[in-house]
Structures are given as structure tokens and as C-alpha cells.
């Protein structure tokens, strides 16, 4: 066996109307049912808003959502202010570059006329 030491651990809990979905990719064999170890993992917290559909399996939905998070490997989930600011700056740079290209094309057409 490999000598592994866990230096940090986190415990999550949610109110009874909320759910936590979990998915662990490449689970380690022989881990306890209450603690799954693996190479990649995701936790997704969600709350059921519409109660009209009675055949609702929160465990399965949470597992599938978490599986998609692991598969897509996102840098972030949701809208973080820092990322929005960076995307706005990048958008402004691209707009400026587009204007420069338009000016160059206009000048080129004037020269050829």
C-alpha cells in the first residue's frame, strides 16, 4: 500500500430542503462507503424549486450534475466578479483591435483608389 496522509478535510451540510450531489472519478478500491477517495471529485449543492414532479431522485440528479462538472473541468462555476472584470477587459481589447483593422482596411482602400 501507498503511504497517504490527509492534511485537510472539510465537512459540508445543507438545510433539509437542499441537496448535495457527489461524484468521484476513478475511486480507490476498498474505501469506506461513507468516505470515497479518487483522482477527481465534485460536490454540487442544489435546491428543488418546483415540487409538481413527484418522481424526483435528488441523489441521482446530484450525481449526474457532479459528473458533468468533473467531465467539463471548469475553472469556476457561476459568475465570479473577478472573472467578469477580466472578460470585460478582454472584450474591450478585442473591440479596439477590430477598430484598428477597420481603419487599416479603409486606408488601404483609399490608397488603391
Protein backbone atom coordinates (compact mmCIF):
# COMPACT_ATOMS: atom_id res chain seq x y z
CA UNK A 1 0.00 0.00 0.00
CA UNK A 2 0.85 3.57 -0.52
CA UNK A 3 1.61 5.77 2.50
CA UNK A 4 -1.03 8.51 2.24
CA UNK A 5 -1.68 11.25 4.76
CA UNK A 6 -4.66 13.58 4.65
CA UNK A 7 -3.64 17.06 5.79
CA UNK A 8 -7.03 18.78 5.45
CA UNK A 9 -10.66 17.77 5.42
CA UNK A 10 -13.90 19.68 5.00
CA UNK A 11 -17.41 18.74 6.07
CA UNK A 12 -20.50 20.06 4.27
CA UNK A 13 -24.08 20.20 5.47
CA UNK A 14 -27.15 21.83 3.96
CA UNK A 15 -30.67 22.58 5.17
CA UNK A 16 -33.20 19.79 4.69
CA UNK A 17 -34.75 21.37 1.54
CA UNK A 18 -31.31 21.46 -0.17
CA UNK A 19 -29.27 18.58 -1.57
CA UNK A 20 -25.59 17.84 -2.13
CA UNK A 21 -24.68 15.71 -5.13
CA UNK A 22 -21.31 13.97 -5.22
CA UNK A 23 -19.26 12.24 -7.88
CA UNK A 24 -15.78 10.73 -7.58
CA UNK A 25 -13.91 9.70 -10.72
CA UNK A 26 -11.52 6.74 -10.55
CA UNK A 27 -12.46 5.77 -6.99
CA UNK A 28 -9.88 3.95 -4.88
CA UNK A 29 -10.89 0.35 -4.19
CA UNK A 30 -11.61 -0.60 -0.61
CA UNK A 31 -12.63 2.83 0.70
CA UNK A 32 -15.45 3.04 3.21
CA UNK A 33 -18.97 3.72 1.95
CA UNK A 34 -19.14 6.99 3.91
CA UNK A 35 -15.82 8.26 2.50
CA UNK A 36 -14.90 7.83 -1.16
CA UNK A 37 -11.41 8.69 -2.39
CA UNK A 38 -10.49 9.15 -6.02
CA UNK A 39 -8.47 11.12 -8.55
CA UNK A 40 -11.16 13.75 -9.27
CA UNK A 41 -14.32 14.69 -7.44
CA UNK A 42 -17.08 17.29 -7.37
CA UNK A 43 -19.77 18.44 -4.96
CA UNK A 44 -22.84 20.23 -6.28
CA UNK A 45 -25.33 21.89 -3.97
CA UNK A 46 -28.85 22.46 -5.25
CA UNK A 47 -32.42 23.04 -4.13
CA UNK A 48 -35.60 21.77 -5.70
CA UNK A 49 -37.76 24.75 -6.70
CA UNK A 50 -40.70 23.03 -8.39
CA UNK A 51 -42.47 20.28 -6.44
CA UNK A 52 -45.04 19.30 -9.09
CA UNK A 53 -42.94 16.38 -10.35
CA UNK A 54 -43.30 13.71 -7.67
CA UNK A 55 -40.85 11.10 -9.01
CA UNK A 56 -37.73 13.16 -8.15
CA UNK A 57 -34.45 11.38 -7.37
CA UNK A 58 -32.20 14.03 -5.82
CA UNK A 59 -29.30 11.60 -5.30
CA UNK A 60 -29.20 10.63 -8.98
CA UNK A 61 -29.60 14.23 -10.21
CA UNK A 62 -26.82 15.42 -7.91
CA UNK A 63 -24.51 12.62 -9.01
CA UNK A 64 -25.10 13.38 -12.69
CA UNK A 65 -24.59 17.14 -12.24
CA UNK A 66 -21.36 16.48 -10.33
CA UNK A 67 -20.22 14.06 -13.02
CA UNK A 68 -20.66 16.78 -15.65
CA UNK A 69 -18.62 19.20 -13.56
CA UNK A 70 -15.74 16.71 -13.37
CA UNK A 71 -16.00 15.94 -17.08
CA UNK A 72 -16.01 19.57 -18.20
CA UNK A 73 -13.14 20.56 -15.86
CA UNK A 74 -14.24 24.20 -15.41
CA UNK A 75 -12.00 26.80 -13.81
CA UNK A 76 -15.03 28.22 -12.00
CA UNK A 77 -18.74 27.62 -11.81
CA UNK A 78 -21.10 30.58 -11.67
CA UNK A 79 -20.29 34.22 -12.14
CA UNK A 80 -17.45 35.50 -10.03
CA UNK A 81 -16.84 39.28 -10.10
CA UNK A 82 -13.11 38.91 -10.85
CA UNK A 83 -13.79 36.77 -13.91
CA UNK A 84 -16.47 39.16 -15.17
CA UNK A 85 -13.98 42.04 -14.89
CA UNK A 86 -11.31 40.09 -16.80
CA UNK A 87 -13.77 39.14 -19.55
CA UNK A 88 -14.88 42.78 -19.85
CA UNK A 89 -11.25 43.89 -20.21
CA UNK A 90 -10.61 41.23 -22.87
CA UNK A 91 -13.76 42.29 -24.73
CA UNK A 92 -12.59 45.92 -24.79
CA UNK A 93 -9.17 44.85 -26.12
CA UNK A 94 -10.81 42.85 -28.91
CA UNK A 95 -13.10 45.78 -29.81
CA UNK A 96 -10.07 48.08 -30.02
CA UNK A 97 -8.21 45.63 -32.23
CA UNK A 98 -11.25 45.37 -34.51
CA UNK A 99 -11.37 49.16 -34.91
CA UNK A 100 -7.67 49.24 -35.80
CA UNK A 101 -8.27 46.65 -38.52
CA UNK A 102 -11.21 48.67 -39.89
CA UNK A 103 -9.02 51.80 -40.05
CA UNK A 104 -6.25 49.92 -41.85
CA UNK A 105 -8.72 48.49 -44.37
CA UNK A 106 -10.21 51.96 -45.02
CA UNK A 107 -6.77 53.47 -45.54
CA UNK A 108 -5.84 50.62 -47.86
CA UNK A 109 -8.93 51.19 -50.00
CA UNK A 110 -8.13 54.91 -50.24
CA UNK A 111 -4.60 54.19 -51.42
CA UNK A 112 -5.78 51.77 -54.10
CA UNK A 113 -8.43 54.24 -55.42
